[in-house]
Amino acid sequence: MPRAGLWARVGDRLIVGGATVGDEGRDGEIVGLHHPDGTPPFDVRWSDTGRVTEVFPGPDARVQHFAPHGPRGAGPGKDATRS
């Protein structure tokens, strides 16, 4: 189930934490959206493999925004997650 408050735009970066201690996790560019409001799932091109997969982000995921003006006042490098 997608987390409340998580959204993205094409070109943003999805960062997923590692599953175990010492695992750095992975990141990728969001290359496609399935909903006009930018909520998950996302199509992500992973930086480690170059493959594109459909992703339903879990609680260890966050979005780094790169658009200068986004919804909710997000700017370059701002995180879309809420605590």
PDB file of N, CA and C in Angstrom:
ATOM      1  N   MET A   1       0.842  -1.172   0.000  1.00  0.00           N
ATOM      2  CA  MET A   1       0.000   0.000   0.000  1.00  0.00           C
ATOM      3  C   MET A   1       0.893   1.242   0.000  1.00  0.00           C
ATOM      4  N   PRO A   2       0.638   2.202  -0.917  1.00  0.00           N
ATOM      5  CA  PRO A   2       1.455   3.411  -0.974  1.00  0.00           C
ATOM      6  C   PRO A   2       1.324   4.246   0.298  1.00  0.00           C
ATOM      7  N   ARG A   3       2.395   4.934   0.659  1.00  0.00           N
ATOM      8  CA  ARG A   3       2.386   5.802   1.831  1.00  0.00           C
ATOM      9  C   ARG A   3       1.707   7.117   1.506  1.00  0.00           C
ATOM     10  N   ALA A   4       0.975   7.639   2.468  1.00  0.00           N
ATOM     11  CA  ALA A   4       0.348   8.948   2.315  1.00  0.00           C
ATOM     12  C   ALA A   4       1.436  10.004   2.192  1.00  0.00           C
ATOM     13  N   GLY A   5       1.259  10.938   1.282  1.00  0.00           N
ATOM     14  CA  GLY A   5       2.197  12.034   1.126  1.00  0.00           C
ATOM     15  C   GLY A   5       3.339  11.779   0.165  1.00  0.00           C
ATOM     16  N   LEU A   6       3.509  10.560  -0.318  1.00  0.00           N
ATOM     17  CA  LEU A   6       4.600  10.271  -1.250  1.00  0.00           C
ATOM     18  C   LEU A   6       4.116  10.551  -2.663  1.00  0.00           C
ATOM     19  N   TRP A   7       4.837  11.396  -3.388  1.00  0.00           N
ATOM     20  CA  TRP A   7       4.497  11.745  -4.764  1.00  0.00           C
ATOM     21  C   TRP A   7       5.787  12.057  -5.506  1.00  0.00           C
ATOM     22  N   ALA A   8       5.710  12.090  -6.823  1.00  0.00           N
ATOM     23  CA  ALA A   8       6.904  12.361  -7.632  1.00  0.00           C
ATOM     24  C   ALA A   8       6.510  12.962  -8.966  1.00  0.00           C
ATOM     25  N   ARG A   9       7.519  13.464  -9.651  1.00  0.00           N
ATOM     26  CA  ARG A   9       7.421  13.909 -11.040  1.00  0.00           C
ATOM     27  C   ARG A   9       8.449  13.120 -11.836  1.00  0.00           C
ATOM     28  N   VAL A  10       8.205  13.004 -13.136  1.00  0.00           N
ATOM     29  CA  VAL A  10       9.201  12.382 -14.009  1.00  0.00           C
ATOM     30  C   VAL A  10      10.490  13.189 -13.880  1.00  0.00           C
ATOM     31  N   GLY A  11      11.602  12.495 -13.703  1.00  0.00           N
ATOM     32  CA  GLY A  11      12.898  13.143 -13.524  1.00  0.00           C
ATOM     33  C   GLY A  11      13.360  13.185 -12.077  1.00  0.00           C
ATOM     34  N   ASP A  12      12.438  12.984 -11.128  1.00  0.00           N
ATOM     35  CA  ASP A  12      12.827  12.908  -9.720  1.00  0.00           C
ATOM     36  C   ASP A  12      13.577  11.602  -9.472  1.00  0.00           C
ATOM     37  N   ARG A  13      14.132  11.473  -8.288  1.00  0.00           N
ATOM     38  CA  ARG A  13      14.919  10.291  -7.940  1.00  0.00           C
ATOM     39  C   ARG A  13      14.256   9.533  -6.795  1.00  0.00           C
ATOM     40  N   LEU A  14      14.089   8.231  -6.969  1.00  0.00           N
ATOM     41  CA  LEU A  14      13.591   7.368  -5.902  1.00  0.00           C
ATOM     42  C   LEU A  14      14.791   6.744  -5.208  1.00  0.00           C
ATOM     43  N   ILE A  15      14.825   6.857  -3.892  1.00  0.00           N
ATOM     44  CA  ILE A  15      15.906   6.298  -3.091  1.00  0.00           C
ATOM     45  C   ILE A  15      15.283   5.286  -2.132  1.00  0.00           C
ATOM     46  N   VAL A  16      15.770   4.059  -2.196  1.00  0.00           N
ATOM     47  CA  VAL A  16      15.240   2.984  -1.357  1.00  0.00           C
ATOM     48  C   VAL A  16      16.350   2.502  -0.436  1.00  0.00           C
ATOM     49  N   GLY A  17      16.076   2.484   0.859  1.00  0.00           N
ATOM     50  CA  GLY A  17      17.063   2.050   1.839  1.00  0.00           C
ATOM     51  C   GLY A  17      17.374   0.574   1.720  1.00  0.00           C
ATOM     52  N   GLY A  18      18.532   0.175   2.215  1.00  0.00           N
ATOM     53  CA  GLY A  18      18.937  -1.225   2.189  1.00  0.00           C
ATOM     54  C   GLY A  18      18.101  -2.076   3.129  1.00  0.00           C
ATOM     55  N   ALA A  19      17.951  -3.337   2.781  1.00  0.00           N
ATOM     56  CA  ALA A  19      17.134  -4.259   3.577  1.00  0.00           C
ATOM     57  C   ALA A  19      17.868  -4.781   4.806  1.00  0.00           C
ATOM     58  N   THR A  20      19.206  -4.728   4.785  1.00  0.00           N
ATOM     59  CA  THR A  20      19.990  -5.234   5.911  1.00  0.00           C
ATOM     60  C   THR A  20      21.091  -4.243   6.264  1.00  0.00           C
ATOM     61  N   VAL A  21      21.658  -4.396   7.439  1.00  0.00           N
ATOM     62  CA  VAL A  21      22.766  -3.544   7.867  1.00  0.00           C
ATOM     63  C   VAL A  21      23.917  -3.703   6.880  1.00  0.00           C
ATOM     64  N   GLY A  22      24.467  -2.583   6.443  1.00  0.00           N
ATOM     65  CA  GLY A  22      25.570  -2.616   5.493  1.00  0.00           C
ATOM     66  C   GLY A  22      25.126  -2.564   4.043  1.00  0.00           C
ATOM     67  N   ASP A  23      23.843  -2.780   3.789  1.00  0.00           N
ATOM     68  CA  ASP A  23      23.308  -2.695   2.426  1.00  0.00           C
ATOM     69  C   ASP A  23      22.961  -1.235   2.163  1.00  0.00           C
ATOM     70  N   GLU A  24      23.607  -0.638   1.175  1.00  0.00           N
ATOM     71  CA  GLU A  24      23.411   0.777   0.893  1.00  0.00           C
ATOM     72  C   GLU A  24      22.077   1.079   0.233  1.00  0.00           C
ATOM     73  N   GLY A  25      21.373   0.079  -0.246  1.00  0.00           N
ATOM     74  CA  GLY A  25      20.118   0.324  -0.938  1.00  0.00           C
ATOM     75  C   GLY A  25      20.364   0.643  -2.395  1.00  0.00           C
ATOM     76  N   ARG A  26      19.371   1.259  -3.014  1.00  0.00           N
ATOM     77  CA  ARG A  26      19.522   1.602  -4.425  1.00  0.00           C
ATOM     78  C   ARG A  26      18.714   2.839  -4.748  1.00  0.00           C
ATOM     79  N   ASP A  27      19.001   3.401  -5.901  1.00  0.00           N
ATOM     80  CA  ASP A  27      18.284   4.590  -6.338  1.00  0.00           C
ATOM     81  C   ASP A  27      18.080   4.523  -7.838  1.00  0.00           C
ATOM     82  N   GLY A  28      17.150   5.326  -8.311  1.00  0.00           N
ATOM     83  CA  GLY A  28      16.896   5.375  -9.735  1.00  0.00           C
ATOM     84  C   GLY A  28      16.074   6.589 -10.111  1.00  0.00           C
ATOM     85  N   GLU A  29      16.057   6.877 -11.395  1.00  0.00           N
ATOM     86  CA  GLU A  29      15.297   8.001 -11.931  1.00  0.00           C
ATOM     87  C   GLU A  29      13.868   7.571 -12.207  1.00  0.00           C
ATOM     88  N   ILE A  30      12.922   8.394 -11.785  1.00  0.00           N
ATOM     89  CA  ILE A  30      11.520   8.127 -12.081  1.00  0.00           C
ATOM     90  C   ILE A  30      11.277   8.546 -13.525  1.00  0.00           C
ATOM     91  N   VAL A  31      10.931   7.562 -14.362  1.00  0.00           N
ATOM     92  CA  VAL A  31      10.763   7.803 -15.799  1.00  0.00           C
ATOM     93  C   VAL A  31       9.308   7.719 -16.239  1.00  0.00           C
ATOM     94  N   GLY A  32       8.418   7.317 -15.343  1.00  0.00           N
ATOM     95  CA  GLY A  32       7.009   7.238 -15.700  1.00  0.00           C
ATOM     96  C   GLY A  32       6.124   7.238 -14.475  1.00  0.00           C
ATOM     97  N   LEU A  33       4.926   7.808 -14.651  1.00  0.00           N
ATOM     98  CA  LEU A  33       3.931   7.861 -13.585  1.00  0.00           C
ATOM     99  C   LEU A  33       2.667   7.161 -14.057  1.00  0.00           C
ATOM    100  N   HIS A  34       1.920   6.616 -13.130  1.00  0.00           N
ATOM    101  CA  HIS A  34       0.674   5.929 -13.457  1.00  0.00           C
ATOM    102  C   HIS A  34      -0.552   6.738 -13.062  1.00  0.00           C
ATOM    103  N   HIS A  35      -0.356   7.818 -12.292  1.00  0.00           N
ATOM    104  CA  HIS A  35      -1.460   8.660 -11.836  1.00  0.00           C
ATOM    105  C   HIS A  35      -1.109  10.128 -12.079  1.00  0.00           C
ATOM    106  N   PRO A  36      -2.085  10.940 -12.500  1.00  0.00           N
ATOM    107  CA  PRO A  36      -1.795  12.351 -12.788  1.00  0.00           C
ATOM    108  C   PRO A  36      -1.344  13.158 -11.572  1.00  0.00           C
ATOM    109  N   ASP A  37      -1.674  12.705 -10.357  1.00  0.00           N
ATOM    110  CA  ASP A  37      -1.243  13.441  -9.166  1.00  0.00           C
ATOM    111  C   ASP A  37       0.154  13.044  -8.694  1.00  0.00           C
ATOM    112  N   GLY A  38       0.822  12.133  -9.421  1.00  0.00           N
ATOM    113  CA  GLY A  38       2.195  11.758  -9.104  1.00  0.00           C
ATOM    114  C   GLY A  38       2.345  10.750  -7.986  1.00  0.00           C
ATOM    115  N   THR A  39       1.241  10.140  -7.557  1.00  0.00           N
ATOM    116  CA  THR A  39       1.325   9.128  -6.504  1.00  0.00           C
ATOM    117  C   THR A  39       1.737   7.781  -7.092  1.00  0.00           C
ATOM    118  N   PRO A  40       2.273   6.882  -6.256  1.00  0.00           N
ATOM    119  CA  PRO A  40       2.723   5.574  -6.738  1.00  0.00           C
ATOM    120  C   PRO A  40       1.585   4.769  -7.363  1.00  0.00           C
ATOM    121  N   PRO A  41       1.997   3.809  -8.195  1.00  0.00           N
ATOM    122  CA  PRO A  41       3.350   3.322  -8.455  1.00  0.00           C
ATOM    123  C   PRO A  41       4.104   4.221  -9.429  1.00  0.00           C
ATOM    124  N   PHE A  42       5.426   4.042  -9.470  1.00  0.00           N
ATOM    125  CA  PHE A  42       6.309   4.768 -10.369  1.00  0.00           C
ATOM    126  C   PHE A  42       7.037   3.779 -11.273  1.00  0.00           C
ATOM    127  N   ASP A  43       7.377   4.225 -12.487  1.00  0.00           N
ATOM    128  CA  ASP A  43       8.307   3.475 -13.332  1.00  0.00           C
ATOM    129  C   ASP A  43       9.687   4.061 -13.055  1.00  0.00           C
ATOM    130  N   VAL A  44      10.616   3.215 -12.635  1.00  0.00           N
ATOM    131  CA  VAL A  44      11.940   3.670 -12.197  1.00  0.00           C
ATOM    132  C   VAL A  44      13.023   2.992 -13.019  1.00  0.00           C
ATOM    133  N   ARG A  45      13.984   3.799 -13.534  1.00  0.00           N
ATOM    134  CA  ARG A  45      15.188   3.258 -14.178  1.00  0.00           C
ATOM    135  C   ARG A  45      16.274   3.234 -13.113  1.00  0.00           C
ATOM    136  N   TRP A  46      16.632   2.023 -12.676  1.00  0.00           N
ATOM    137  CA  TRP A  46      17.586   1.852 -11.584  1.00  0.00           C
ATOM    138  C   TRP A  46      19.002   2.203 -12.038  1.00  0.00           C
ATOM    139  N   SER A  47      19.726   2.949 -11.203  1.00  0.00           N
ATOM    140  CA  SER A  47      21.081   3.380 -11.555  1.00  0.00           C
ATOM    141  C   SER A  47      22.070   2.221 -11.586  1.00  0.00           C
ATOM    142  N   ASP A  48      21.801   1.157 -10.831  1.00  0.00           N
ATOM    143  CA  ASP A  48      22.761   0.050 -10.786  1.00  0.00           C
ATOM    144  C   ASP A  48      22.614  -0.933 -11.941  1.00  0.00           C
ATOM    145  N   THR A  49      21.435  -1.007 -12.564  1.00  0.00           N
ATOM    146  CA  THR A  49      21.226  -1.984 -13.643  1.00  0.00           C
ATOM    147  C   THR A  49      20.772  -1.367 -14.953  1.00  0.00           C
ATOM    148  N   GLY A  50      20.199  -0.160 -14.899  1.00  0.00           N
ATOM    149  CA  GLY A  50      19.648   0.465 -16.097  1.00  0.00           C
ATOM    150  C   GLY A  50      18.275  -0.065 -16.477  1.00  0.00           C
ATOM    151  N   ARG A  51      17.789  -1.059 -15.751  1.00  0.00           N
ATOM    152  CA  ARG A  51      16.473  -1.639 -16.038  1.00  0.00           C
ATOM    153  C   ARG A  51      15.369  -0.734 -15.510  1.00  0.00           C
ATOM    154  N   VAL A  52      14.225  -0.764 -16.196  1.00  0.00           N
ATOM    155  CA  VAL A  52      13.053  -0.012 -15.762  1.00  0.00           C
ATOM    156  C   VAL A  52      12.041  -0.992 -15.185  1.00  0.00           C
ATOM    157  N   THR A  53      11.581  -0.701 -13.968  1.00  0.00           N
ATOM    158  CA  THR A  53      10.575  -1.543 -13.328  1.00  0.00           C
ATOM    159  C   THR A  53       9.487  -0.672 -12.718  1.00  0.00           C
ATOM    160  N   GLU A  54       8.310  -1.257 -12.551  1.00  0.00           N
ATOM    161  CA  GLU A  54       7.212  -0.593 -11.861  1.00  0.00           C
ATOM    162  C   GLU A  54       7.418  -0.804 -10.365  1.00  0.00           C
ATOM    163  N   VAL A  55       7.367   0.294  -9.593  1.00  0.00           N
ATOM    164  CA  VAL A  55       7.699   0.228  -8.176  1.00  0.00           C
ATOM    165  C   VAL A  55       6.543   0.770  -7.332  1.00  0.00           C
ATOM    166  N   PHE A  56       6.179  -0.002  -6.326  1.00  0.00           N
ATOM    167  CA  PHE A  56       5.249   0.421  -5.290  1.00  0.00           C
ATOM    168  C   PHE A  56       6.104   0.659  -4.042  1.00  0.00           C
ATOM    169  N   PRO A  57       6.539   1.911  -3.797  1.00  0.00           N
ATOM    170  CA  PRO A  57       7.507   2.179  -2.726  1.00  0.00           C
ATOM    171  C   PRO A  57       7.003   1.779  -1.344  1.00  0.00           C
ATOM    172  N   GLY A  58       7.913   1.222  -0.564  1.00  0.00           N
ATOM    173  CA  GLY A  58       7.621   0.851   0.811  1.00  0.00           C
ATOM    174  C   GLY A  58       8.042   1.945   1.774  1.00  0.00           C
ATOM    175  N   PRO A  59       8.005   1.654   3.074  1.00  0.00           N
ATOM    176  CA  PRO A  59       8.315   2.665   4.084  1.00  0.00           C
ATOM    177  C   PRO A  59       9.772   3.111   4.107  1.00  0.00           C
ATOM    178  N   ASP A  60      10.655   2.365   3.444  1.00  0.00           N
ATOM    179  CA  ASP A  60      12.074   2.737   3.416  1.00  0.00           C
ATOM    180  C   ASP A  60      12.429   3.583   2.195  1.00  0.00           C
ATOM    181  N   ALA A  61      11.431   4.013   1.433  1.00  0.00           N
ATOM    182  CA  ALA A  61      11.675   4.782   0.207  1.00  0.00           C
ATOM    183  C   ALA A  61      11.386   6.265   0.423  1.00  0.00           C
ATOM    184  N   ARG A  62      12.124   7.084  -0.325  1.00  0.00           N
ATOM    185  CA  ARG A  62      11.860   8.524  -0.338  1.00  0.00           C
ATOM    186  C   ARG A  62      12.110   9.042  -1.745  1.00  0.00           C
ATOM    187  N   VAL A  63      11.545  10.211  -2.034  1.00  0.00           N
ATOM    188  CA  VAL A  63      11.703  10.827  -3.349  1.00  0.00           C
ATOM    189  C   VAL A  63      12.497  12.109  -3.194  1.00  0.00           C
ATOM    190  N   GLN A  64      13.513  12.262  -4.039  1.00  0.00           N
ATOM    191  CA  GLN A  64      14.272  13.510  -4.092  1.00  0.00           C
ATOM    192  C   GLN A  64      13.773  14.252  -5.322  1.00  0.00           C
ATOM    193  N   HIS A  65      13.235  15.466  -5.103  1.00  0.00           N
ATOM    194  CA  HIS A  65      12.663  16.260  -6.189  1.00  0.00           C
ATOM    195  C   HIS A  65      13.729  17.146  -6.822  1.00  0.00           C
ATOM    196  N   PHE A  66      13.654  17.279  -8.139  1.00  0.00           N
ATOM    197  CA  PHE A  66      14.596  18.134  -8.860  1.00  0.00           C
ATOM    198  C   PHE A  66      13.921  19.290  -9.567  1.00  0.00           C
ATOM    199  N   ALA A  67      12.587  19.292  -9.654  1.00  0.00           N
ATOM    200  CA  ALA A  67      11.868  20.388 -10.309  1.00  0.00           C
ATOM    201  C   ALA A  67      11.954  21.631  -9.422  1.00  0.00           C
ATOM    202  N   PRO A  68      12.145  22.823 -10.008  1.00  0.00           N
ATOM    203  CA  PRO A  68      12.289  24.026  -9.197  1.00  0.00           C
ATOM    204  C   PRO A  68      11.025  24.399  -8.432  1.00  0.00           C
ATOM    205  N   HIS A  69       9.849  24.107  -8.977  1.00  0.00           N
ATOM    206  CA  HIS A  69       8.593  24.444  -8.305  1.00  0.00           C
ATOM    207  C   HIS A  69       7.655  23.266  -8.417  1.00  0.00           C
ATOM    208  N   GLY A  70       7.417  22.606  -7.319  1.00  0.00           N
ATOM    209  CA  GLY A  70       6.530  21.452  -7.322  1.00  0.00           C
ATOM    210  C   GLY A  70       5.412  21.636  -6.326  1.00  0.00           C
ATOM    211  N   PRO A  71       4.484  20.700  -6.308  1.00  0.00           N
ATOM    212  CA  PRO A  71       3.412  20.780  -5.328  1.00  0.00           C
ATOM    213  C   PRO A  71       3.956  20.731  -3.908  1.00  0.00           C
ATOM    214  N   ARG A  72       3.240  21.319  -3.011  1.00  0.00           N
ATOM    215  CA  ARG A  72       3.585  21.341  -1.585  1.00  0.00           C
ATOM    216  C   ARG A  72       4.898  22.060  -1.313  1.00  0.00           C
ATOM    217  N   GLY A  73       5.307  22.943  -2.215  1.00  0.00           N
ATOM    218  CA  GLY A  73       6.485  23.757  -1.974  1.00  0.00           C
ATOM    219  C   GLY A  73       7.803  23.037  -2.108  1.00  0.00           C
ATOM    220  N   ALA A  74       7.809  21.861  -2.728  1.00  0.00           N
ATOM    221  CA  ALA A  74       9.069  21.127  -2.882  1.00  0.00           C
ATOM    222  C   ALA A  74       9.965  21.850  -3.868  1.00  0.00           C
ATOM    223  N   GLY A  75      11.237  21.846  -3.608  1.00  0.00           N
ATOM    224  CA  GLY A  75      12.203  22.455  -4.499  1.00  0.00           C
ATOM    225  C   GLY A  75      13.351  21.501  -4.733  1.00  0.00           C
ATOM    226  N   PRO A  76      14.394  21.950  -5.400  1.00  0.00           N
ATOM    227  CA  PRO A  76      15.522  21.072  -5.697  1.00  0.00           C
ATOM    228  C   PRO A  76      16.085  20.430  -4.434  1.00  0.00           C
ATOM    229  N   GLY A  77      16.198  19.116  -4.472  1.00  0.00           N
ATOM    230  CA  GLY A  77      16.800  18.396  -3.369  1.00  0.00           C
ATOM    231  C   GLY A  77      15.921  18.218  -2.151  1.00  0.00           C
ATOM    232  N   LYS A  78      14.683  18.711  -2.190  1.00  0.00           N
ATOM    233  CA  LYS A  78      13.799  18.551  -1.034  1.00  0.00           C
ATOM    234  C   LYS A  78      13.176  17.173  -1.045  1.00  0.00           C
ATOM    235  N   ASP A  79      12.952  16.654   0.122  1.00  0.00           N
ATOM    236  CA  ASP A  79      12.433  15.305   0.295  1.00  0.00           C
ATOM    237  C   ASP A  79      10.914  15.327   0.359  1.00  0.00           C
ATOM    238  N   ALA A  80      10.267  14.355  -0.289  1.00  0.00           N
ATOM    239  CA  ALA A  80       8.809  14.303  -0.316  1.00  0.00           C
ATOM    240  C   ALA A  80       8.224  13.504   0.828  1.00  0.00           C
ATOM    241  N   THR A  81       9.042  12.898   1.637  1.00  0.00           N
ATOM    242  CA  THR A  81       8.513  12.052   2.700  1.00  0.00           C
ATOM    243  C   THR A  81       8.126  12.890   3.901  1.00  0.00           C
ATOM    244  N   ARG A  82       7.234  12.355   4.683  1.00  0.00           N
ATOM    245  CA  ARG A  82       6.826  13.006   5.924  1.00  0.00           C
ATOM    246  C   ARG A  82       7.213  12.118   7.088  1.00  0.00           C
ATOM    247  N   SER A  83       7.504  12.726   8.201  1.00  0.00           N
ATOM    248  CA  SER A  83       7.847  11.945   9.397  1.00  0.00           C
ATOM    249  C   SER A  83       6.604  11.642  10.186  1.00  0.00           C
TER     250      SER A  83
END
